[in-house]
Amino acid sequence: MATRVYTDGACRGNPGPGGWAWAVDDGPQAAGGDPATTNQRMEIRAAWEAVQALPGDLVVVSDSTYVVNCFRNRWYVGWHRRGWVNSARKPVANRDLWEPFIELVLQRGDVTFDWVKGHSGDKMNDLVDRLAVAESQRF
């Protein structure tokens, strides 16, 4: 059975001080932050940190369609094919985070992604949101 890990990113201002967090229900959790970042970067970072930390079959649950759709809809395939240019012919934002994260997910082969609506009363999504916001407030 796969481990479900919930991830979230937060930013006070965009850009501004940000935080990321991941947590497993009744299991481990981690959080961190950056004094100058964006919400999208923190969303990616939260998922990447979880995938780095947790072994075995993993389901990353995120309220970020940016993170989930990159893998579910295989956006990364087009990015690679076009030389890290998106469908609008612009450089892929956050490439410095995406490249190693995508490589890790593909190497592992045991990570899938699910979307959860944010701020909808999901206990674990609410927890990682609180943790990420608290990290953003440290700066």
C-alpha atoms as a PDB file:
ATOM      1  CA  MET A   1       0.000   0.000   0.000  1.00  0.00           C
ATOM      2  CA  ALA A   2       1.347   3.412  -0.989  1.00  0.00           C
ATOM      3  CA  THR A   3       2.096   6.104   1.572  1.00  0.00           C
ATOM      4  CA  ARG A   4      -0.023   9.228   1.092  1.00  0.00           C
ATOM      5  CA  VAL A   5       1.932  12.393   1.772  1.00  0.00           C
ATOM      6  CA  TYR A   6       0.249  15.787   1.775  1.00  0.00           C
ATOM      7  CA  THR A   7       2.242  18.796   0.590  1.00  0.00           C
ATOM      8  CA  ASP A   8       1.692  22.537   0.489  1.00  0.00           C
ATOM      9  CA  GLY A   9       3.501  25.776  -0.143  1.00  0.00           C
ATOM     10  CA  ALA A  10       2.720  29.278   1.077  1.00  0.00           C
ATOM     11  CA  CYS A  11       4.038  32.734   0.394  1.00  0.00           C
ATOM     12  CA  ARG A  12       3.419  36.112   2.048  1.00  0.00           C
ATOM     13  CA  GLY A  13       3.448  38.290  -1.014  1.00  0.00           C
ATOM     14  CA  ASN A  14       4.371  36.789  -4.342  1.00  0.00           C
ATOM     15  CA  PRO A  15       7.321  37.060  -4.305  1.00  0.00           C
ATOM     16  CA  GLY A  16       7.959  37.254  -0.608  1.00  0.00           C
ATOM     17  CA  PRO A  17       8.856  35.071   2.353  1.00  0.00           C
ATOM     18  CA  GLY A  18       7.602  31.548   1.822  1.00  0.00           C
ATOM     19  CA  GLY A  19       7.192  28.194   3.460  1.00  0.00           C
ATOM     20  CA  TRP A  20       6.746  24.587   2.412  1.00  0.00           C
ATOM     21  CA  ALA A  21       5.544  21.536   4.324  1.00  0.00           C
ATOM     22  CA  TRP A  22       4.761  17.864   3.926  1.00  0.00           C
ATOM     23  CA  ALA A  23       3.118  15.404   6.293  1.00  0.00           C
ATOM     24  CA  VAL A  24       1.950  11.804   6.461  1.00  0.00           C
ATOM     25  CA  ASP A  25      -1.184  11.133   8.530  1.00  0.00           C
ATOM     26  CA  ASP A  26       0.014   9.794  11.906  1.00  0.00           C
ATOM     27  CA  GLY A  27       3.550   9.805  10.531  1.00  0.00           C
ATOM     28  CA  PRO A  28       6.524  11.979   9.788  1.00  0.00           C
ATOM     29  CA  GLN A  29       6.380  15.576   8.653  1.00  0.00           C
ATOM     30  CA  ALA A  30       8.801  18.325   7.706  1.00  0.00           C
ATOM     31  CA  ALA A  31       8.713  22.012   6.879  1.00  0.00           C
ATOM     32  CA  GLY A  32      11.064  24.751   5.797  1.00  0.00           C
ATOM     33  CA  GLY A  33      11.113  28.105   4.140  1.00  0.00           C
ATOM     34  CA  ASP A  34      12.842  30.739   2.095  1.00  0.00           C
ATOM     35  CA  PRO A  35      13.031  34.472   2.814  1.00  0.00           C
ATOM     36  CA  ALA A  36      12.496  35.451  -0.845  1.00  0.00           C
ATOM     37  CA  THR A  37      10.485  33.122  -3.069  1.00  0.00           C
ATOM     38  CA  THR A  38       7.134  32.541  -4.784  1.00  0.00           C
ATOM     39  CA  ASN A  39       4.122  30.400  -3.989  1.00  0.00           C
ATOM     40  CA  GLN A  40       4.754  28.153  -7.006  1.00  0.00           C
ATOM     41  CA  ARG A  41       8.342  27.516  -5.917  1.00  0.00           C
ATOM     42  CA  MET A  42       7.178  26.554  -2.446  1.00  0.00           C
ATOM     43  CA  GLU A  43       4.561  24.159  -3.881  1.00  0.00           C
ATOM     44  CA  ILE A  44       7.238  22.423  -5.959  1.00  0.00           C
ATOM     45  CA  ARG A  45       9.676  22.393  -3.061  1.00  0.00           C
ATOM     46  CA  ALA A  46       7.164  20.803  -0.684  1.00  0.00           C
ATOM     47  CA  ALA A  47       6.521  17.904  -3.049  1.00  0.00           C
ATOM     48  CA  TRP A  48      10.207  17.498  -3.908  1.00  0.00           C
ATOM     49  CA  GLU A  49      11.218  17.419  -0.244  1.00  0.00           C
ATOM     50  CA  ALA A  50       8.603  14.740   0.463  1.00  0.00           C
ATOM     51  CA  VAL A  51       9.729  12.564  -2.441  1.00  0.00           C
ATOM     52  CA  GLN A  52      13.356  12.888  -1.320  1.00  0.00           C
ATOM     53  CA  ALA A  53      12.529  11.987   2.274  1.00  0.00           C
ATOM     54  CA  LEU A  54      10.067   9.114   1.963  1.00  0.00           C
ATOM     55  CA  PRO A  55      10.947   5.685   0.541  1.00  0.00           C
ATOM     56  CA  GLY A  56       8.579   3.214  -1.109  1.00  0.00           C
ATOM     57  CA  ASP A  57       5.408   3.674  -3.123  1.00  0.00           C
ATOM     58  CA  LEU A  58       4.235   7.221  -2.641  1.00  0.00           C
ATOM     59  CA  VAL A  59       1.147   9.250  -3.481  1.00  0.00           C
ATOM     60  CA  VAL A  60       1.838  12.980  -3.294  1.00  0.00           C
ATOM     61  CA  VAL A  61      -1.406  14.822  -2.481  1.00  0.00           C
ATOM     62  CA  SER A  62      -1.283  18.525  -3.324  1.00  0.00           C
ATOM     63  CA  ASP A  63      -3.709  21.389  -3.825  1.00  0.00           C
ATOM     64  CA  SER A  64      -1.381  22.711  -6.527  1.00  0.00           C
ATOM     65  CA  THR A  65      -2.573  21.914 -10.043  1.00  0.00           C
ATOM     66  CA  TYR A  66       0.843  23.204 -11.159  1.00  0.00           C
ATOM     67  CA  VAL A  67       2.578  20.318  -9.364  1.00  0.00           C
ATOM     68  CA  VAL A  68      -0.047  17.641  -9.980  1.00  0.00           C
ATOM     69  CA  ASN A  69      -0.564  18.395 -13.675  1.00  0.00           C
ATOM     70  CA  CYS A  70       3.157  18.452 -14.401  1.00  0.00           C
ATOM     71  CA  PHE A  71       3.170  14.731 -13.661  1.00  0.00           C
ATOM     72  CA  ARG A  72      -0.407  13.606 -14.342  1.00  0.00           C
ATOM     73  CA  ASN A  73      -0.565  15.389 -17.700  1.00  0.00           C
ATOM     74  CA  ARG A  74       3.125  14.771 -18.400  1.00  0.00           C
ATOM     75  CA  TRP A  75       3.916  18.440 -19.046  1.00  0.00           C
ATOM     76  CA  TYR A  76       7.566  17.573 -18.498  1.00  0.00           C
ATOM     77  CA  VAL A  77       7.606  15.501 -21.717  1.00  0.00           C
ATOM     78  CA  GLY A  78       6.827  18.576 -23.807  1.00  0.00           C
ATOM     79  CA  TRP A  79       9.247  20.695 -21.798  1.00  0.00           C
ATOM     80  CA  HIS A  80      12.053  18.240 -22.549  1.00  0.00           C
ATOM     81  CA  ARG A  81      11.100  17.899 -26.212  1.00  0.00           C
ATOM     82  CA  ARG A  82      10.993  21.685 -26.699  1.00  0.00           C
ATOM     83  CA  GLY A  83      14.242  22.339 -24.808  1.00  0.00           C
ATOM     84  CA  TRP A  84      12.639  23.597 -21.602  1.00  0.00           C
ATOM     85  CA  VAL A  85      10.214  25.902 -23.358  1.00  0.00           C
ATOM     86  CA  ASN A  86       6.526  25.721 -22.467  1.00  0.00           C
ATOM     87  CA  SER A  87       3.589  25.497 -24.870  1.00  0.00           C
ATOM     88  CA  ALA A  88       3.470  29.316 -25.008  1.00  0.00           C
ATOM     89  CA  ARG A  89       7.100  29.250 -26.259  1.00  0.00           C
ATOM     90  CA  LYS A  90       8.385  30.840 -23.068  1.00  0.00           C
ATOM     91  CA  PRO A  91      11.126  29.429 -20.825  1.00  0.00           C
ATOM     92  CA  VAL A  92       9.699  27.013 -18.243  1.00  0.00           C
ATOM     93  CA  ALA A  93       9.400  28.839 -14.920  1.00  0.00           C
ATOM     94  CA  ASN A  94      11.220  27.304 -11.980  1.00  0.00           C
ATOM     95  CA  ARG A  95      13.314  25.045 -14.180  1.00  0.00           C
ATOM     96  CA  ASP A  96      16.014  24.925 -11.485  1.00  0.00           C
ATOM     97  CA  LEU A  97      13.543  23.093  -9.227  1.00  0.00           C
ATOM     98  CA  TRP A  98      11.645  21.145 -11.874  1.00  0.00           C
ATOM     99  CA  GLU A  99      14.654  19.461 -13.481  1.00  0.00           C
ATOM    100  CA  PRO A 100      15.978  17.632 -10.412  1.00  0.00           C
ATOM    101  CA  PHE A 101      12.468  16.945  -9.105  1.00  0.00           C
ATOM    102  CA  ILE A 102      11.284  15.399 -12.378  1.00  0.00           C
ATOM    103  CA  GLU A 103      14.498  13.370 -12.625  1.00  0.00           C
ATOM    104  CA  LEU A 104      13.964  12.022  -9.109  1.00  0.00           C
ATOM    105  CA  VAL A 105      10.326  11.069  -9.751  1.00  0.00           C
ATOM    106  CA  LEU A 106      11.214   9.341 -13.023  1.00  0.00           C
ATOM    107  CA  GLN A 107      14.161   7.510 -11.439  1.00  0.00           C
ATOM    108  CA  ARG A 108      12.015   6.230  -8.605  1.00  0.00           C
ATOM    109  CA  GLY A 109       9.080   5.114 -10.733  1.00  0.00           C
ATOM    110  CA  ASP A 110       6.928   4.633  -7.625  1.00  0.00           C
ATOM    111  CA  VAL A 111       5.479   8.139  -7.160  1.00  0.00           C
ATOM    112  CA  THR A 112       2.013   9.273  -8.268  1.00  0.00           C
ATOM    113  CA  PHE A 113       0.160  12.536  -7.713  1.00  0.00           C
ATOM    114  CA  ASP A 114      -3.382  13.342  -6.535  1.00  0.00           C
ATOM    115  CA  TRP A 115      -5.072  16.714  -6.314  1.00  0.00           C
ATOM    116  CA  VAL A 116      -7.074  17.915  -3.304  1.00  0.00           C
ATOM    117  CA  LYS A 117      -9.079  21.127  -3.177  1.00  0.00           C
ATOM    118  CA  GLY A 118      -7.328  23.583  -0.886  1.00  0.00           C
ATOM    119  CA  HIS A 119      -9.075  25.143   2.116  1.00  0.00           C
ATOM    120  CA  SER A 120     -11.905  22.635   1.808  1.00  0.00           C
ATOM    121  CA  GLY A 121     -11.741  21.062   5.259  1.00  0.00           C
ATOM    122  CA  ASP A 122      -9.384  18.191   4.362  1.00  0.00           C
ATOM    123  CA  LYS A 123      -7.604  17.537   7.669  1.00  0.00           C
ATOM    124  CA  MET A 124      -4.177  16.821   6.193  1.00  0.00           C
ATOM    125  CA  ASN A 125      -4.278  19.593   3.595  1.00  0.00           C
ATOM    126  CA  ASP A 126      -5.208  22.027   6.357  1.00  0.00           C
ATOM    127  CA  LEU A 127      -2.300  20.750   8.481  1.00  0.00           C
ATOM    128  CA  VAL A 128       0.354  21.239   5.794  1.00  0.00           C
ATOM    129  CA  ASP A 129      -1.130  24.643   4.970  1.00  0.00           C
ATOM    130  CA  ARG A 130      -0.730  25.716   8.623  1.00  0.00           C
ATOM    131  CA  LEU A 131       2.831  24.375   8.721  1.00  0.00           C
ATOM    132  CA  ALA A 132       3.813  26.128   5.467  1.00  0.00           C
ATOM    133  CA  VAL A 133       2.258  29.433   6.559  1.00  0.00           C
ATOM    134  CA  ALA A 134       4.056  29.218   9.912  1.00  0.00           C
ATOM    135  CA  GLU A 135       7.374  28.722   8.088  1.00  0.00           C
ATOM    136  CA  SER A 136       6.694  31.765   5.894  1.00  0.00           C
ATOM    137  CA  GLN A 137       6.198  33.849   9.033  1.00  0.00           C
ATOM    138  CA  ARG A 138       9.668  33.046  10.378  1.00  0.00           C
ATOM    139  CA  PHE A 139      11.191  35.618   7.991  1.00  0.00           C
END
